[in-house]
Amino acid sequence: MGFEISDKVRALNDQLMEFMSEHIYPREHDWHEWCLDPDHLWEVPPWYDDLRSEARAAGLWNLFLPAEYAPWSPGLTNVEIAPLFETMSKVIWAQGVFNCNAPDRGNMEVLAKYGTLEQQKQWLEPLLAGEIRSAYAMTEPQVASSDATNMELEIKRDGDEYVLNGRKWWTTGAVGPRCKIMLVMGKSNPENDRHRQHSTILVPRDTRGISLVRTLRVFDNLHSPGGEAELLFDDVRVPVSNMIKGEGCGFEIAQGRLGPGRFQYAMGLVGAAQRCLELMCARAEERVAFGEPLIKKTSVQHEIARCRCDIEQARLLTLQAADVMDKGGLAAARAHIAMVKIVAPNMAQQVADRAMQVFGGMGVSQDTLIPDVFTLARFSRIADGPDEVHMSQLGKLTARELNQ
């Protein structure tokens, strides 16, 4: 099993790497200086939209959509998308430049797969054009959301409208003013079977009755300009035409959304970890301690070797997950998606930790992306389902397969 890059994808990846070198790496620290400045809270840097325009003009746009999402897809398979995600993820904020960032990419996939023509015209097209941003409201503060059947936000039909009441949190991107639409998952059919009780519905961010309870900090970072929101829905009314696919389809939609998303997260973490390793190697060559470069220290050599092994294993596992998805769909890739969701964040956290140790004080400062990779990886071990849930599901699935 090779996963060799085709000539077409190699050319596209070369173009992407050139764009990163010319436009992204020189701005890498400018992003954080702007976004961490309280005077610029919830604003993008003034040069950001220009970069996005250049990326779109260069054809480096919406690369995440597999071929099945024609006519909006560039026609790539998941295996072909994987190395592109790795390249663009070597800078934490770069995915947004190419309109490939979460949660928008998952929401676009949902609308492309399940949306009506009206929903696609109103929301998918401006998202694909990068004109607006979106959010996905699933997790709730008052229940253990690792078990999604616990979700309590009520979606109740009243004539030609649905009325929403409840609370959501960790709604990524919902603080920034560019967020115009949310996909909200809630309980609409409590009388149904356990996995047919919930629905997903489109709710414009400015709908009356939505209150921002507070912004949430991730390891004391507000994640400006998008932010993480805790939201209150108090008699929020939307038309029945905003329901996605139909009542009781929330779990089907969530699985269809989160499966590809977990693969994309995994490949992004591979790219971020690879960048940490590259920085770590450069630091080991440059820095002298106790009379010799750090690379001469056996302990540093071993840490670099461990990083390379861990990254390569995660990369190959993620490529295999992509290959299984391409050939057999999400159902066939269920075990592989669980594996990459477990393996990739843990791998990236370990690699970033080792890189911090080699960098010393600089490794925990704003001078490199290493602390951001560490916190992103640690956060990802909870987001989209904690490690324990995926390990339990994978364990049960594995036992069934081996006992057949």
Protein backbone atom coordinates (compact mmCIF):
# COMPACT_ATOMS: atom_id res chain seq x y z
CA MET A 1 0.00 0.00 0.00
CA GLY A 2 1.84 3.06 -1.26
CA PHE A 3 -0.26 6.23 -1.05
CA GLU A 4 2.07 7.81 -3.62
CA ILE A 5 1.16 11.36 -4.57
CA SER A 6 -0.06 11.71 -8.15
CA ASP A 7 1.55 14.22 -10.49
CA LYS A 8 -1.55 16.40 -10.27
CA VAL A 9 -1.49 16.50 -6.47
CA ARG A 10 2.28 16.91 -6.35
CA ALA A 11 1.97 20.01 -8.53
CA LEU A 12 -0.85 21.33 -6.36
CA ASN A 13 1.13 20.66 -3.19
CA ASP A 14 4.20 22.39 -4.66
CA GLN A 15 2.00 25.39 -5.42
CA LEU A 16 0.63 25.30 -1.89
CA MET A 17 4.13 25.10 -0.37
CA GLU A 18 5.24 28.04 -2.48
CA PHE A 19 2.22 30.05 -1.30
CA MET A 20 3.02 29.16 2.31
CA SER A 21 6.63 30.27 1.90
CA GLU A 22 5.76 33.51 0.13
CA HIS A 23 2.67 34.61 2.03
CA ILE A 24 2.02 32.60 5.21
CA TYR A 25 5.34 32.02 6.99
CA PRO A 26 6.35 35.70 6.78
CA ARG A 27 3.04 36.59 8.48
CA GLU A 28 3.03 33.74 10.97
CA HIS A 29 3.69 35.84 14.06
CA ASP A 30 1.81 38.88 12.76
CA TRP A 31 -1.42 36.94 13.14
CA HIS A 32 -0.91 36.34 16.85
CA GLU A 33 0.33 39.85 17.53
CA TRP A 34 -2.89 41.18 16.03
CA CYS A 35 -5.36 38.66 17.45
CA LEU A 36 -3.95 38.80 20.99
CA ASP A 37 -4.13 42.59 21.07
CA PRO A 38 -7.24 43.59 23.11
CA ASP A 39 -7.75 46.55 20.77
CA HIS A 40 -8.36 44.13 17.88
CA LEU A 41 -10.49 41.54 19.63
CA TRP A 42 -12.77 39.63 17.21
CA GLU A 43 -11.21 41.34 14.17
CA VAL A 44 -9.09 39.66 11.50
CA PRO A 45 -5.78 41.32 10.59
CA PRO A 46 -6.09 43.91 7.81
CA TRP A 47 -4.00 41.80 5.42
CA TYR A 48 -5.91 38.53 5.97
CA ASP A 49 -8.63 38.98 3.36
CA ASP A 50 -6.04 39.93 0.76
CA LEU A 51 -4.28 36.61 1.38
CA ARG A 52 -7.56 34.78 0.97
CA SER A 53 -8.21 36.55 -2.32
CA GLU A 54 -4.76 35.56 -3.57
CA ALA A 55 -5.30 31.94 -2.51
CA ARG A 56 -8.64 31.81 -4.28
CA ALA A 57 -7.22 33.36 -7.44
CA ALA A 58 -4.45 30.75 -7.37
CA GLY A 59 -6.97 27.89 -7.22
CA LEU A 60 -5.98 26.98 -3.65
CA TRP A 61 -9.54 27.17 -2.37
CA ASN A 62 -12.04 24.70 -0.85
CA LEU A 63 -9.54 21.88 -1.30
CA PHE A 64 -11.18 19.84 1.47
CA LEU A 65 -14.28 18.83 -0.52
CA PRO A 66 -13.89 15.30 -1.98
CA ALA A 67 -14.96 14.55 -5.53
CA GLU A 68 -18.39 13.28 -4.41
CA TYR A 69 -19.36 16.89 -3.62
CA ALA A 70 -19.36 18.00 -7.25
CA PRO A 71 -19.92 20.63 -8.57
CA TRP A 72 -18.34 22.38 -5.58
CA SER A 73 -15.38 20.01 -5.26
CA PRO A 74 -11.98 20.41 -6.96
CA GLY A 75 -12.28 16.68 -7.72
CA LEU A 76 -9.78 15.25 -5.24
CA THR A 77 -10.02 12.03 -3.25
CA ASN A 78 -9.47 11.97 0.51
CA VAL A 79 -6.03 10.42 -0.05
CA GLU A 80 -5.17 13.29 -2.40
CA ILE A 81 -6.49 15.87 0.06
CA ALA A 82 -4.36 14.50 2.91
CA PRO A 83 -0.90 15.86 1.90
CA LEU A 84 -2.45 19.25 1.11
CA PHE A 85 -3.92 19.42 4.60
CA GLU A 86 -0.57 18.49 6.06
CA THR A 87 1.15 21.32 4.18
CA MET A 88 -1.37 24.04 5.02
CA SER A 89 -1.48 23.00 8.69
CA LYS A 90 2.16 23.81 9.34
CA VAL A 91 0.88 27.22 10.44
CA ILE A 92 -2.06 26.98 12.83
CA TRP A 93 -4.24 29.67 11.25
CA ALA A 94 -3.39 28.96 7.60
CA GLN A 95 -6.33 26.65 6.84
CA GLY A 96 -8.63 29.67 6.90
CA VAL A 97 -6.63 31.36 4.16
CA PHE A 98 -7.63 28.49 1.84
CA ASN A 99 -11.23 28.33 3.14
CA CYS A 100 -10.48 24.89 4.57
CA ASN A 101 -10.92 25.67 8.26
CA ALA A 102 -13.21 24.13 10.84
CA PRO A 103 -16.05 24.38 11.62
CA ASP A 104 -16.90 25.87 8.22
CA ARG A 105 -15.60 22.93 6.21
CA GLY A 106 -17.77 20.45 8.11
CA ASN A 107 -20.81 22.69 7.83
CA MET A 108 -20.24 23.07 4.11
CA GLU A 109 -20.08 19.30 3.75
CA VAL A 110 -23.40 18.97 5.59
CA LEU A 111 -25.09 21.54 3.37
CA ALA A 112 -23.60 20.03 0.22
CA LYS A 113 -24.76 16.54 1.18
CA TYR A 114 -28.07 17.14 2.96
CA GLY A 115 -29.13 20.72 2.23
CA THR A 116 -32.06 21.74 0.06
CA LEU A 117 -31.45 23.89 -3.01
CA GLU A 118 -32.77 26.86 -1.05
CA GLN A 119 -30.44 26.18 1.90
CA GLN A 120 -27.50 25.74 -0.43
CA LYS A 121 -28.26 28.97 -2.24
CA GLN A 122 -28.68 30.98 0.97
CA TRP A 123 -25.84 29.53 3.07
CA LEU A 124 -23.58 27.10 1.23
CA GLU A 125 -22.70 29.39 -1.64
CA PRO A 126 -21.54 32.31 0.55
CA LEU A 127 -19.61 29.88 2.73
CA LEU A 128 -17.88 28.41 -0.31
CA ALA A 129 -17.09 31.94 -1.45
CA GLY A 130 -15.60 32.78 1.95
CA GLU A 131 -18.03 35.66 2.41
CA ILE A 132 -19.36 34.47 5.78
CA ARG A 133 -18.44 32.09 8.59
CA SER A 134 -20.51 29.51 10.45
CA ALA A 135 -20.69 27.54 13.70
CA TYR A 136 -21.80 24.09 14.83
CA ALA A 137 -23.70 24.06 18.14
CA MET A 138 -23.75 20.59 19.65
CA THR A 139 -22.16 20.41 23.12
CA GLU A 140 -24.14 21.48 26.20
CA PRO A 141 -22.81 22.59 29.60
CA GLN A 142 -25.36 20.86 31.82
CA VAL A 143 -24.96 17.31 30.46
CA ALA A 144 -22.12 14.94 29.58
CA SER A 145 -22.02 15.65 25.87
CA SER A 146 -19.60 12.79 25.22
CA ASP A 147 -22.89 10.87 25.12
CA ALA A 148 -24.71 12.87 22.47
CA THR A 149 -28.05 11.29 23.38
CA ASN A 150 -27.90 13.46 26.53
CA MET A 151 -28.45 16.66 24.56
CA GLU A 152 -31.45 18.56 25.87
CA LEU A 153 -31.89 21.71 23.76
CA GLU A 154 -35.53 21.54 22.70
CA ILE A 155 -36.61 21.91 19.08
CA LYS A 156 -40.41 22.08 19.01
CA ARG A 157 -42.62 22.73 16.02
CA ASP A 158 -45.16 25.54 16.25
CA GLY A 159 -47.06 25.94 12.98
CA ASP A 160 -44.66 27.06 10.26
CA GLU A 161 -41.82 27.56 12.72
CA TYR A 162 -39.57 25.62 15.05
CA VAL A 163 -38.96 27.04 18.52
CA LEU A 164 -35.59 26.38 20.19
CA ASN A 165 -34.95 26.53 23.93
CA GLY A 166 -31.77 25.47 25.67
CA ARG A 167 -28.10 26.17 26.13
CA LYS A 168 -24.97 25.34 24.12
CA TRP A 169 -21.28 25.87 24.72
CA TRP A 170 -17.92 25.39 23.00
CA THR A 171 -19.60 26.69 19.86
CA THR A 172 -16.50 27.48 17.83
CA GLY A 173 -16.55 30.69 15.81
CA ALA A 174 -19.87 31.99 17.16
CA VAL A 175 -18.39 35.05 18.92
CA GLY A 176 -16.80 36.74 15.92
CA PRO A 177 -19.00 39.01 13.79
CA ARG A 178 -18.31 37.04 10.61
CA CYS A 179 -20.40 34.12 11.89
CA LYS A 180 -23.78 34.41 10.17
CA ILE A 181 -25.26 30.90 10.41
CA MET A 182 -25.21 28.08 12.96
CA LEU A 183 -26.06 24.42 12.60
CA VAL A 184 -27.77 23.58 15.88
CA MET A 185 -28.41 20.03 17.09
CA GLY A 186 -31.24 19.47 19.58
CA LYS A 187 -34.00 17.13 20.69
CA SER A 188 -37.07 17.33 18.46
CA ASN A 189 -38.64 13.87 18.79
CA PRO A 190 -38.27 12.54 22.34
CA GLU A 191 -40.77 9.76 21.59
CA ASN A 192 -38.50 8.20 18.94
CA ASP A 193 -35.80 5.60 19.36
CA ARG A 194 -32.67 6.88 21.09
CA HIS A 195 -30.76 7.77 17.93
CA ARG A 196 -33.76 9.29 16.12
CA GLN A 197 -34.72 11.86 18.75
CA HIS A 198 -32.45 14.69 17.59
CA SER A 199 -32.42 17.01 14.60
CA THR A 200 -30.05 19.56 13.07
CA ILE A 201 -31.49 22.92 12.09
CA LEU A 202 -30.13 26.11 10.55
CA VAL A 203 -30.27 29.13 12.85
CA PRO A 204 -28.99 32.54 11.68
CA ARG A 205 -26.62 33.93 14.30
CA ASP A 206 -28.59 37.18 14.68
CA THR A 207 -31.93 35.45 15.31
CA ARG A 208 -33.90 37.02 18.12
CA GLY A 209 -33.63 35.10 21.39
CA ILE A 210 -29.97 34.04 21.04
CA SER A 211 -27.83 35.45 23.84
CA LEU A 212 -24.07 35.22 24.25
CA VAL A 213 -23.76 34.06 27.85
CA ARG A 214 -19.97 34.33 27.80
CA THR A 215 -16.89 33.75 25.73
CA LEU A 216 -14.84 30.72 26.77
CA ARG A 217 -11.07 30.56 27.09
CA VAL A 218 -9.12 27.54 25.86
CA PHE A 219 -6.03 27.34 28.07
CA ASP A 220 -6.67 31.04 28.75
CA ASN A 221 -6.82 31.86 25.01
CA LEU A 222 -9.97 33.52 23.65
CA HIS A 223 -9.31 32.13 20.18
CA SER A 224 -10.05 35.50 18.60
CA PRO A 225 -11.23 36.32 15.95
CA GLY A 226 -13.73 33.43 15.99
CA GLY A 227 -13.95 32.55 19.65
CA GLU A 228 -15.68 29.81 21.62
CA ALA A 229 -19.18 30.71 22.82
CA GLU A 230 -21.64 29.70 25.46
CA LEU A 231 -25.08 30.54 24.06
CA LEU A 232 -28.60 30.69 25.46
CA PHE A 233 -31.53 29.93 23.14
CA ASP A 234 -34.69 31.49 24.55
CA ASP A 235 -37.78 30.96 22.36
CA VAL A 236 -35.66 31.20 19.22
CA ARG A 237 -37.91 30.89 16.18
CA VAL A 238 -36.85 29.78 12.70
CA PRO A 239 -38.95 28.65 9.70
CA VAL A 240 -39.59 24.94 9.19
CA SER A 241 -37.63 25.19 5.93
CA ASN A 242 -34.48 25.53 8.04
CA MET A 243 -34.63 21.89 9.14
CA ILE A 244 -31.79 19.90 7.55
CA LYS A 245 -32.96 16.66 5.90
CA GLY A 246 -35.78 16.06 8.37
CA GLU A 247 -36.74 15.55 12.00
CA GLY A 248 -34.82 12.81 13.75
CA CYS A 249 -31.86 12.92 11.33
CA GLY A 250 -29.48 14.74 13.69
CA PHE A 251 -27.28 11.74 14.48
CA GLU A 252 -27.00 10.70 10.86
CA ILE A 253 -25.93 14.23 9.95
CA ALA A 254 -23.50 14.45 12.88
CA GLN A 255 -21.79 11.20 11.91
CA GLY A 256 -21.64 12.27 8.28
CA ARG A 257 -20.08 15.53 9.37
CA LEU A 258 -17.71 14.35 12.09
CA GLY A 259 -16.25 11.37 10.23
CA PRO A 260 -14.44 13.33 7.49
CA GLY A 261 -13.76 16.08 10.01
CA ARG A 262 -11.82 13.72 12.27
CA PHE A 263 -9.67 12.59 9.35
CA GLN A 264 -9.02 16.22 8.40
CA TYR A 265 -8.19 17.11 12.01
CA ALA A 266 -5.78 14.18 12.13
CA MET A 267 -3.94 15.19 8.97
CA GLY A 268 -3.80 18.77 10.19
CA LEU A 269 -2.20 17.60 13.43
CA VAL A 270 0.31 15.57 11.42
CA GLY A 271 1.28 18.77 9.60
CA ALA A 272 1.53 20.77 12.82
CA ALA A 273 3.65 18.06 14.45
CA GLN A 274 5.89 17.87 11.38
CA ARG A 275 6.49 21.62 11.66
CA CYS A 276 7.41 21.19 15.35
CA LEU A 277 9.91 18.51 14.33
CA GLU A 278 11.41 20.75 11.64
CA LEU A 279 11.84 23.57 14.14
CA MET A 280 13.22 21.15 16.71
CA CYS A 281 15.88 19.88 14.29
CA ALA A 282 16.91 23.40 13.30
CA ARG A 283 17.16 24.40 16.96
CA ALA A 284 19.27 21.34 17.78
CA GLU A 285 21.73 22.24 15.02
CA GLU A 286 21.98 25.93 15.97
CA ARG A 287 21.98 25.89 19.76
CA VAL A 288 25.18 25.22 21.72
CA ALA A 289 25.13 24.00 25.31
CA PHE A 290 28.01 22.72 27.40
CA GLY A 291 30.46 23.15 24.56
CA GLU A 292 28.63 21.44 21.69
CA PRO A 293 25.47 21.72 19.56
CA LEU A 294 22.38 20.13 21.05
CA ILE A 295 22.24 17.68 18.15
CA LYS A 296 25.35 16.03 19.61
CA LYS A 297 23.45 15.10 22.75
CA THR A 298 22.22 11.52 22.64
CA SER A 299 19.03 12.45 24.48
CA VAL A 300 18.15 15.05 21.82
CA GLN A 301 18.88 12.59 19.02
CA HIS A 302 16.55 10.08 20.64
CA GLU A 303 13.75 12.62 21.04
CA ILE A 304 14.03 13.62 17.38
CA ALA A 305 13.95 9.94 16.38
CA ARG A 306 10.86 9.29 18.51
CA CYS A 307 9.12 12.27 16.93
CA ARG A 308 9.84 11.07 13.43
CA CYS A 309 8.58 7.57 14.21
CA ASP A 310 5.41 8.86 15.84
CA ILE A 311 4.62 11.33 13.05
CA GLU A 312 5.21 8.77 10.29
CA GLN A 313 2.99 6.20 11.99
CA ALA A 314 0.18 8.74 12.42
CA ARG A 315 0.60 9.94 8.84
CA LEU A 316 0.34 6.43 7.40
CA LEU A 317 -2.63 5.54 9.60
CA THR A 318 -4.43 8.70 8.52
CA LEU A 319 -3.71 8.01 4.87
CA GLN A 320 -5.08 4.51 5.33
CA ALA A 321 -8.25 5.94 6.88
CA ALA A 322 -8.57 8.23 3.85
CA ASP A 323 -8.04 5.32 1.48
CA VAL A 324 -10.71 3.21 3.20
CA MET A 325 -13.13 6.16 3.08
CA ASP A 326 -12.46 6.62 -0.63
CA LYS A 327 -13.06 2.96 -1.40
CA GLY A 328 -15.81 2.01 1.02
CA GLY A 329 -17.31 5.16 2.48
CA LEU A 330 -17.68 6.26 6.10
CA ALA A 331 -19.18 3.00 7.31
CA ALA A 332 -16.18 1.01 6.10
CA ALA A 333 -13.78 3.52 7.65
CA ARG A 334 -15.43 3.63 11.07
CA ALA A 335 -12.59 1.82 12.89
CA HIS A 336 -9.88 3.77 11.08
CA ILE A 337 -11.53 7.11 11.85
CA ALA A 338 -11.68 6.15 15.54
CA MET A 339 -7.99 5.18 15.42
CA VAL A 340 -6.82 8.45 13.89
CA LYS A 341 -8.95 10.44 16.32
CA ILE A 342 -7.14 8.69 19.19
CA VAL A 343 -3.65 8.57 17.71
CA ALA A 344 -3.13 11.94 16.01
CA PRO A 345 -3.87 14.34 18.90
CA ASN A 346 -1.83 12.25 21.35
CA MET A 347 1.03 12.12 18.85
CA ALA A 348 1.00 15.88 18.24
CA GLN A 349 0.86 16.60 21.96
CA GLN A 350 3.92 14.40 22.57
CA VAL A 351 5.88 15.86 19.66
CA ALA A 352 5.14 19.42 20.76
CA ASP A 353 6.15 18.54 24.32
CA ARG A 354 9.51 17.18 23.15
CA ALA A 355 10.07 20.22 20.94
CA MET A 356 9.37 22.50 23.92
CA GLN A 357 12.04 20.70 25.91
CA VAL A 358 14.66 21.17 23.20
CA PHE A 359 13.76 24.86 22.80
CA GLY A 360 13.74 25.56 26.52
CA GLY A 361 12.22 28.92 27.46
CA MET A 362 11.64 29.87 23.85
CA GLY A 363 9.55 26.72 23.43
CA VAL A 364 6.83 27.95 25.75
CA SER A 365 6.80 31.52 24.42
CA GLN A 366 5.01 33.18 21.51
CA ASP A 367 8.15 32.94 19.36
CA THR A 368 7.16 29.57 17.86
CA LEU A 369 3.90 27.75 17.14
CA ILE A 370 4.89 24.93 19.51
CA PRO A 371 2.68 26.00 22.46
CA ASP A 372 -0.25 26.42 20.08
CA VAL A 373 0.27 22.91 18.71
CA PHE A 374 0.46 21.51 22.25
CA THR A 375 -2.78 23.18 23.35
CA LEU A 376 -4.58 22.40 20.08
CA ALA A 377 -3.64 18.74 20.38
CA ARG A 378 -4.70 18.57 24.02
CA PHE A 379 -8.00 20.29 23.24
CA SER A 380 -8.56 17.92 20.31
CA ARG A 381 -8.41 14.95 22.65
CA ILE A 382 -11.75 16.22 24.01
CA ALA A 383 -13.30 17.96 21.00
CA ASP A 384 -15.40 15.80 18.64
CA GLY A 385 -15.55 13.12 21.35
CA PRO A 386 -13.01 12.37 24.08
CA ASP A 387 -10.35 9.68 23.69
CA GLU A 388 -12.23 7.33 26.01
CA VAL A 389 -15.37 7.28 23.86
CA HIS A 390 -13.46 6.45 20.70
CA MET A 391 -11.37 3.81 22.46
CA SER A 392 -14.49 2.14 23.86
CA GLN A 393 -16.17 2.14 20.46
CA LEU A 394 -13.02 0.87 18.78
CA GLY A 395 -12.57 -1.83 21.41
CA LYS A 396 -16.12 -3.13 20.98
CA LEU A 397 -15.87 -2.99 17.20
CA THR A 398 -12.55 -4.82 17.22
CA ALA A 399 -13.86 -7.55 19.50
CA ARG A 400 -16.88 -8.09 17.24
CA GLU A 401 -14.72 -8.29 14.14
CA LEU A 402 -12.27 -10.73 15.66
CA ASN A 403 -14.98 -12.94 17.14
CA GLN A 404 -16.89 -13.40 13.90
